[in-house]
C-alpha atoms as a PDB file:
ATOM      1  CA  MET A   1     -11.473  21.708 -27.774  1.00  0.00           C
ATOM      2  CA  PRO A   2     -12.924  18.485 -29.112  1.00  0.00           C
ATOM      3  CA  ALA A   3     -16.007  17.580 -26.871  1.00  0.00           C
ATOM      4  CA  ALA A   4     -15.647  14.803 -24.435  1.00  0.00           C
ATOM      5  CA  ALA A   5     -16.378  11.161 -25.465  1.00  0.00           C
ATOM      6  CA  PRO A   6     -20.081  10.034 -24.398  1.00  0.00           C
ATOM      7  CA  ALA A   7     -19.874   7.686 -21.712  1.00  0.00           C
ATOM      8  CA  LYS A   8     -20.359   4.082 -22.575  1.00  0.00           C
ATOM      9  CA  LYS A   9     -23.653   2.922 -21.380  1.00  0.00           C
ATOM     10  CA  LEU A  10     -23.438  -0.110 -19.049  1.00  0.00           C
ATOM     11  CA  SER A  11     -24.972  -3.187 -19.942  1.00  0.00           C
ATOM     12  CA  PHE A  12     -27.885  -4.524 -17.887  1.00  0.00           C
ATOM     13  CA  LYS A  13     -25.724  -7.497 -16.730  1.00  0.00           C
ATOM     14  CA  GLN A  14     -22.642  -5.016 -15.821  1.00  0.00           C
ATOM     15  CA  GLN A  15     -25.286  -2.812 -14.000  1.00  0.00           C
ATOM     16  CA  GLN A  16     -26.276  -5.991 -11.899  1.00  0.00           C
ATOM     17  CA  LEU A  17     -22.385  -6.831 -11.274  1.00  0.00           C
ATOM     18  CA  LEU A  18     -22.033  -3.303  -9.702  1.00  0.00           C
ATOM     19  CA  LEU A  19     -25.205  -3.417  -7.644  1.00  0.00           C
ATOM     20  CA  ARG A  20     -24.252  -6.904  -6.086  1.00  0.00           C
ATOM     21  CA  GLU A  21     -20.703  -5.468  -5.417  1.00  0.00           C
ATOM     22  CA  ASP A  22     -22.061  -2.713  -3.834  1.00  0.00           C
ATOM     23  CA  ALA A  23     -24.208  -4.879  -1.864  1.00  0.00           C
ATOM     24  CA  ILE A  24     -21.429  -7.135  -0.877  1.00  0.00           C
ATOM     25  CA  LEU A  25     -19.511  -4.033   0.431  1.00  0.00           C
ATOM     26  CA  ASP A  26     -22.280  -2.594   2.514  1.00  0.00           C
ATOM     27  CA  SER A  27     -22.132  -6.299   4.454  1.00  0.00           C
ATOM     28  CA  VAL A  28     -18.422  -6.166   4.624  1.00  0.00           C
ATOM     29  CA  ASN A  29     -18.716  -2.549   6.176  1.00  0.00           C
ATOM     30  CA  ARG A  30     -21.337  -3.504   8.802  1.00  0.00           C
ATOM     31  CA  LEU A  31     -19.314  -6.879   9.515  1.00  0.00           C
ATOM     32  CA  LEU A  32     -15.790  -5.359   9.688  1.00  0.00           C
ATOM     33  CA  ALA A  33     -17.406  -2.447  12.086  1.00  0.00           C
ATOM     34  CA  VAL A  34     -19.310  -4.933  14.426  1.00  0.00           C
ATOM     35  CA  LYS A  35     -17.149  -7.718  14.240  1.00  0.00           C
ATOM     36  CA  GLY A  36     -13.583  -6.854  12.860  1.00  0.00           C
ATOM     37  CA  TYR A  37     -11.477  -8.944  10.484  1.00  0.00           C
ATOM     38  CA  ASP A  38     -10.345 -11.711  12.087  1.00  0.00           C
ATOM     39  CA  LEU A  39     -13.850 -12.634  12.981  1.00  0.00           C
ATOM     40  CA  MET A  40     -15.713 -11.837   9.677  1.00  0.00           C
ATOM     41  CA  THR A  41     -15.561 -14.911   7.282  1.00  0.00           C
ATOM     42  CA  MET A  42     -16.408 -14.970   3.388  1.00  0.00           C
ATOM     43  CA  ASP A  43     -19.059 -17.742   4.313  1.00  0.00           C
ATOM     44  CA  GLU A  44     -20.853 -15.010   6.425  1.00  0.00           C
ATOM     45  CA  VAL A  45     -20.625 -12.028   3.998  1.00  0.00           C
ATOM     46  CA  ALA A  46     -21.873 -14.469   1.121  1.00  0.00           C
ATOM     47  CA  ALA A  47     -24.774 -15.583   3.422  1.00  0.00           C
ATOM     48  CA  ASP A  48     -25.566 -11.770   4.688  1.00  0.00           C
ATOM     49  CA  VAL A  49     -25.501 -10.792   0.802  1.00  0.00           C
ATOM     50  CA  GLY A  50     -27.840 -13.856  -0.064  1.00  0.00           C
ATOM     51  CA  ILE A  51     -25.273 -15.364  -2.464  1.00  0.00           C
ATOM     52  CA  SER A  52     -23.176 -18.322  -3.000  1.00  0.00           C
ATOM     53  CA  LYS A  53     -19.797 -18.121  -1.900  1.00  0.00           C
ATOM     54  CA  ALA A  54     -18.355 -19.268  -5.369  1.00  0.00           C
ATOM     55  CA  SER A  55     -20.453 -15.983  -6.389  1.00  0.00           C
ATOM     56  CA  LEU A  56     -18.803 -14.214  -3.894  1.00  0.00           C
ATOM     57  CA  TYR A  57     -15.019 -14.938  -5.486  1.00  0.00           C
ATOM     58  CA  LYS A  58     -16.085 -13.912  -8.536  1.00  0.00           C
ATOM     59  CA  HIS A  59     -16.240 -10.374  -7.273  1.00  0.00           C
ATOM     60  CA  PHE A  60     -13.228 -11.016  -4.851  1.00  0.00           C
ATOM     61  CA  ALA A  61     -10.557 -13.208  -4.711  1.00  0.00           C
ATOM     62  CA  SER A  62     -10.076 -13.085  -0.692  1.00  0.00           C
ATOM     63  CA  LYS A  63     -11.140 -11.622   2.452  1.00  0.00           C
ATOM     64  CA  ASP A  64      -7.883  -9.169   1.859  1.00  0.00           C
ATOM     65  CA  ALA A  65      -9.369  -8.147  -1.272  1.00  0.00           C
ATOM     66  CA  LEU A  66     -12.590  -7.327   0.259  1.00  0.00           C
ATOM     67  CA  ALA A  67     -11.063  -5.335   3.102  1.00  0.00           C
ATOM     68  CA  ALA A  68      -8.873  -3.089   0.292  1.00  0.00           C
ATOM     69  CA  ALA A  69     -12.277  -2.569  -1.775  1.00  0.00           C
ATOM     70  CA  SER A  70     -14.130  -1.703   1.733  1.00  0.00           C
ATOM     71  CA  MET A  71     -11.500   0.647   2.601  1.00  0.00           C
ATOM     72  CA  THR A  72     -11.083   2.109  -0.787  1.00  0.00           C
ATOM     73  CA  ARG A  73     -15.070   2.881  -0.768  1.00  0.00           C
ATOM     74  CA  LEU A  74     -14.334   4.632   2.587  1.00  0.00           C
ATOM     75  CA  LEU A  75     -12.032   7.092   1.528  1.00  0.00           C
ATOM     76  CA  ASP A  76     -14.277   7.710  -1.783  1.00  0.00           C
ATOM     77  CA  SER A  77     -16.880   8.740   0.714  1.00  0.00           C
ATOM     78  CA  THR A  78     -14.586  10.726   2.637  1.00  0.00           C
ATOM     79  CA  LEU A  79     -13.847  12.615  -0.615  1.00  0.00           C
ATOM     80  CA  ALA A  80     -17.361  13.231  -1.051  1.00  0.00           C
ATOM     81  CA  VAL A  81     -17.899  14.485   2.231  1.00  0.00           C
ATOM     82  CA  ILE A  82     -14.847  16.901   1.708  1.00  0.00           C
ATOM     83  CA  ALA A  83     -15.757  18.108  -1.817  1.00  0.00           C
ATOM     84  CA  ALA A  84     -19.417  18.636   0.008  1.00  0.00           C
ATOM     85  CA  LEU A  85     -18.104  21.325   2.492  1.00  0.00           C
ATOM     86  CA  PRO A  86     -19.161  24.999   2.026  1.00  0.00           C
ATOM     87  CA  ASP A  87     -16.810  27.368   0.250  1.00  0.00           C
ATOM     88  CA  GLY A  88     -16.824  29.735   3.222  1.00  0.00           C
ATOM     89  CA  LEU A  89     -15.500  27.297   6.105  1.00  0.00           C
ATOM     90  CA  GLY A  90     -12.070  27.828   7.224  1.00  0.00           C
ATOM     91  CA  PRO A  91      -9.593  25.142   7.776  1.00  0.00           C
ATOM     92  CA  VAL A  92     -10.361  23.999  11.310  1.00  0.00           C
ATOM     93  CA  ASP A  93     -13.906  23.829  10.710  1.00  0.00           C
ATOM     94  CA  ARG A  94     -13.164  21.832   7.703  1.00  0.00           C
ATOM     95  CA  LEU A  95     -11.196  19.226   9.779  1.00  0.00           C
ATOM     96  CA  LYS A  96     -14.032  19.365  12.593  1.00  0.00           C
ATOM     97  CA  GLU A  97     -16.841  18.619   9.769  1.00  0.00           C
ATOM     98  CA  VAL A  98     -14.757  15.205   8.714  1.00  0.00           C
ATOM     99  CA  VAL A  99     -14.061  14.268  12.173  1.00  0.00           C
ATOM    100  CA  ARG A 100     -17.772  14.736  12.798  1.00  0.00           C
ATOM    101  CA  TRP A 101     -18.984  12.473   9.869  1.00  0.00           C
ATOM    102  CA  ALA A 102     -16.131   9.939  10.870  1.00  0.00           C
ATOM    103  CA  VAL A 103     -17.471   9.639  14.253  1.00  0.00           C
ATOM    104  CA  ARG A 104     -20.947   9.806  13.500  1.00  0.00           C
ATOM    105  CA  THR A 105     -20.352   6.927  10.869  1.00  0.00           C
ATOM    106  CA  HIS A 106     -18.304   4.779  13.410  1.00  0.00           C
ATOM    107  CA  LEU A 107     -21.571   5.352  15.880  1.00  0.00           C
ATOM    108  CA  GLN A 108     -23.670   3.816  13.122  1.00  0.00           C
ATOM    109  CA  ASP A 109     -21.667   0.701  12.901  1.00  0.00           C
ATOM    110  CA  GLU A 110     -20.725   1.546   9.074  1.00  0.00           C
ATOM    111  CA  MET A 111     -17.143   2.479   9.653  1.00  0.00           C
ATOM    112  CA  PRO A 112     -14.855  -0.745   8.473  1.00  0.00           C
ATOM    113  CA  LEU A 113     -12.086  -1.144  10.988  1.00  0.00           C
ATOM    114  CA  LEU A 114      -8.885  -3.318  10.136  1.00  0.00           C
ATOM    115  CA  PRO A 115      -5.997  -4.331  12.177  1.00  0.00           C
ATOM    116  CA  SER A 116      -3.073  -2.115  11.795  1.00  0.00           C
ATOM    117  CA  THR A 117      -0.153  -4.590  12.423  1.00  0.00           C
ATOM    118  CA  ARG A 118      -1.425  -7.578   9.986  1.00  0.00           C
ATOM    119  CA  SER A 119       1.091  -7.832   7.299  1.00  0.00           C
ATOM    120  CA  THR A 120      -1.076  -9.510   4.773  1.00  0.00           C
ATOM    121  CA  ILE A 121      -3.657  -6.678   5.128  1.00  0.00           C
ATOM    122  CA  GLN A 122      -0.971  -3.977   4.828  1.00  0.00           C
ATOM    123  CA  GLN A 123       0.087  -5.777   1.683  1.00  0.00           C
ATOM    124  CA  ALA A 124      -3.161  -5.609   0.193  1.00  0.00           C
ATOM    125  CA  LEU A 125      -3.728  -1.921   0.850  1.00  0.00           C
ATOM    126  CA  ILE A 126      -0.392  -0.946  -0.454  1.00  0.00           C
ATOM    127  CA  THR A 127      -0.928  -2.896  -4.038  1.00  0.00           C
ATOM    128  CA  HIS A 128      -4.259  -1.614  -4.366  1.00  0.00           C
ATOM    129  CA  THR A 129      -3.779   1.446  -6.564  1.00  0.00           C
ATOM    130  CA  PRO A 130      -7.259   2.897  -6.299  1.00  0.00           C
ATOM    131  CA  TYR A 131      -6.879   2.892  -2.495  1.00  0.00           C
ATOM    132  CA  LEU A 132      -3.360   4.679  -2.439  1.00  0.00           C
ATOM    133  CA  GLU A 133      -4.853   7.195  -4.934  1.00  0.00           C
ATOM    134  CA  ARG A 134      -7.627   8.013  -2.780  1.00  0.00           C
ATOM    135  CA  LEU A 135      -5.644   7.845   0.545  1.00  0.00           C
ATOM    136  CA  SER A 136      -3.379  10.366  -1.119  1.00  0.00           C
ATOM    137  CA  GLN A 137      -5.931  12.593  -1.941  1.00  0.00           C
ATOM    138  CA  VAL A 138      -7.406  12.707   1.397  1.00  0.00           C
ATOM    139  CA  THR A 139      -4.138  13.255   3.254  1.00  0.00           C
ATOM    140  CA  GLU A 140      -3.187  15.953   1.007  1.00  0.00           C
ATOM    141  CA  THR A 141      -6.109  17.816   1.618  1.00  0.00           C
ATOM    142  CA  LEU A 142      -6.344  17.312   5.343  1.00  0.00           C
ATOM    143  CA  GLY A 143      -2.618  18.156   5.596  1.00  0.00           C
ATOM    144  CA  GLY A 144      -3.250  21.220   3.858  1.00  0.00           C
ATOM    145  CA  TRP A 145      -5.843  22.604   6.208  1.00  0.00           C
ATOM    146  CA  ILE A 146      -3.544  21.487   9.094  1.00  0.00           C
ATOM    147  CA  MET A 147      -0.760  23.659   7.567  1.00  0.00           C
ATOM    148  CA  ALA A 148      -3.207  26.554   7.043  1.00  0.00           C
ATOM    149  CA  ALA A 149      -4.720  26.071  10.919  1.00  0.00           C
ATOM    150  CA  GLN A 150      -1.152  26.276  12.083  1.00  0.00           C
ATOM    151  CA  GLU A 151      -0.090  29.184  10.217  1.00  0.00           C
ATOM    152  CA  ALA A 152      -3.439  31.278  11.428  1.00  0.00           C
ATOM    153  CA  GLY A 153      -2.403  30.049  14.842  1.00  0.00           C
ATOM    154  CA  GLU A 154      -5.519  28.135  15.132  1.00  0.00           C
ATOM    155  CA  LEU A 155      -3.857  24.945  15.777  1.00  0.00           C
ATOM    156  CA  SER A 156      -0.442  24.227  17.754  1.00  0.00           C
ATOM    157  CA  ALA A 157       2.508  24.983  15.316  1.00  0.00           C
ATOM    158  CA  ALA A 158       4.227  23.009  18.295  1.00  0.00           C
ATOM    159  CA  LEU A 159       2.930  19.842  17.125  1.00  0.00           C
ATOM    160  CA  PRO A 160       4.338  17.990  13.972  1.00  0.00           C
ATOM    161  CA  GLY A 161       1.459  18.071  11.297  1.00  0.00           C
ATOM    162  CA  GLU A 162       1.741  14.057  11.235  1.00  0.00           C
ATOM    163  CA  VAL A 163       0.747  14.028  15.071  1.00  0.00           C
ATOM    164  CA  ILE A 164      -2.488  16.220  14.033  1.00  0.00           C
ATOM    165  CA  LEU A 165      -3.045  14.111  10.753  1.00  0.00           C
ATOM    166  CA  TYR A 166      -3.195  10.685  12.619  1.00  0.00           C
ATOM    167  CA  THR A 167      -5.109  12.158  15.501  1.00  0.00           C
ATOM    168  CA  ILE A 168      -7.784  13.142  13.315  1.00  0.00           C
ATOM    169  CA  TYR A 169      -7.753   9.633  11.370  1.00  0.00           C
ATOM    170  CA  ALA A 170      -7.845   7.833  14.761  1.00  0.00           C
ATOM    171  CA  ARG A 171     -11.294   9.474  15.633  1.00  0.00           C
ATOM    172  CA  SER A 172     -12.634   7.100  13.082  1.00  0.00           C
ATOM    173  CA  CYS A 173     -11.923   4.006  15.151  1.00  0.00           C
ATOM    174  CA  ASP A 174     -11.948   5.932  18.766  1.00  0.00           C
ATOM    175  CA  PRO A 175     -13.617   3.413  21.400  1.00  0.00           C
ATOM    176  CA  VAL A 176     -14.337   6.271  23.466  1.00  0.00           C
ATOM    177  CA  GLY A 177     -17.624   6.922  21.540  1.00  0.00           C
ATOM    178  CA  ASN A 178     -18.754   3.243  21.655  1.00  0.00           C
ATOM    179  CA  PHE A 179     -18.112   3.202  25.443  1.00  0.00           C
ATOM    180  CA  LEU A 180     -20.359   6.479  25.854  1.00  0.00           C
ATOM    181  CA  LYS A 181     -23.008   5.049  23.688  1.00  0.00           C
ATOM    182  CA  MET A 182     -23.317   1.776  25.653  1.00  0.00           C
ATOM    183  CA  GLY A 183     -23.427   3.626  28.769  1.00  0.00           C
ATOM    184  CA  GLY A 184     -26.690   5.037  27.399  1.00  0.00           C
ATOM    185  CA  ALA A 185     -26.168   8.379  28.938  1.00  0.00           C
ATOM    186  CA  PHE A 186     -25.582  10.427  25.792  1.00  0.00           C
ATOM    187  CA  GLN A 187     -27.154  10.793  22.394  1.00  0.00           C
ATOM    188  CA  ASP A 188     -25.124  10.213  19.376  1.00  0.00           C
ATOM    189  CA  ASP A 189     -24.835  13.656  18.400  1.00  0.00           C
ATOM    190  CA  GLU A 190     -23.767  14.736  22.010  1.00  0.00           C
ATOM    191  CA  ILE A 191     -21.003  12.152  21.633  1.00  0.00           C
ATOM    192  CA  VAL A 192     -19.912  13.539  18.716  1.00  0.00           C
ATOM    193  CA  GLU A 193     -19.440  17.084  20.054  1.00  0.00           C
ATOM    194  CA  TYR A 194     -17.631  15.827  23.086  1.00  0.00           C
ATOM    195  CA  LEU A 195     -15.058  13.929  20.827  1.00  0.00           C
ATOM    196  CA  ILE A 196     -14.666  16.993  18.757  1.00  0.00           C
ATOM    197  CA  ALA A 197     -14.200  19.114  21.830  1.00  0.00           C
ATOM    198  CA  THR A 198     -11.859  16.847  23.261  1.00  0.00           C
ATOM    199  CA  THR A 199      -9.997  16.397  19.910  1.00  0.00           C
ATOM    200  CA  PHE A 200      -9.619  20.018  19.062  1.00  0.00           C
ATOM    201  CA  ASP A 201      -9.991  21.696  22.327  1.00  0.00           C
ATOM    202  CA  GLY A 202      -7.890  19.256  24.756  1.00  0.00           C
ATOM    203  CA  LEU A 203      -9.018  18.325  28.384  1.00  0.00           C
ATOM    204  CA  ALA A 204      -7.526  20.985  30.384  1.00  0.00           C
ATOM    205  CA  THR A 205      -9.435  24.360  31.331  1.00  0.00           C
ATOM    206  CA  ARG A 206      -8.803  27.331  29.115  1.00  0.00           C
ATOM    207  CA  ARG A 207      -7.648  30.388  30.819  1.00  0.00           C
END
């Protein structure tokens, strides 16, 4: 088998552009997490990064394009978390680790949140191929763990897999963690574990 061609080295200008895009998406993630899509503006993103609005538009053509790129990077982070899990973990423990990461990221105001019913955003996402590819990978992986856990009797087989999957996805934007954090009675790690317990063990006393 022939050796793979060496990766082409990026020029200094290309490296600078990538660094700037990372800075832009860092800003977008924070603003989407704290203010939400409707209140975030292109002017605000540009000012936060320290570039002109015209420069911002050279990287991203619209606020919807920014949101799509932000969500794609979020899925990249999710895949990195999945890839770093120890080999010996069972399916439920793997699901719990992903939820722990998602809740902790949300509590740190680093989880981009988008409205679920805005048609322009949905259109931007479904036409953004990198987003769809990564979403498919994450969904397939989590779905496989859910099926394995149901077959092992660790998750209820009476629940459709989609219900469990979307419950897990919902933890990344669960306001319960925010309310508990604002109350000041619990540390972030405690909040994470309480949400893990309610997600996987429920609220009823086990008998």
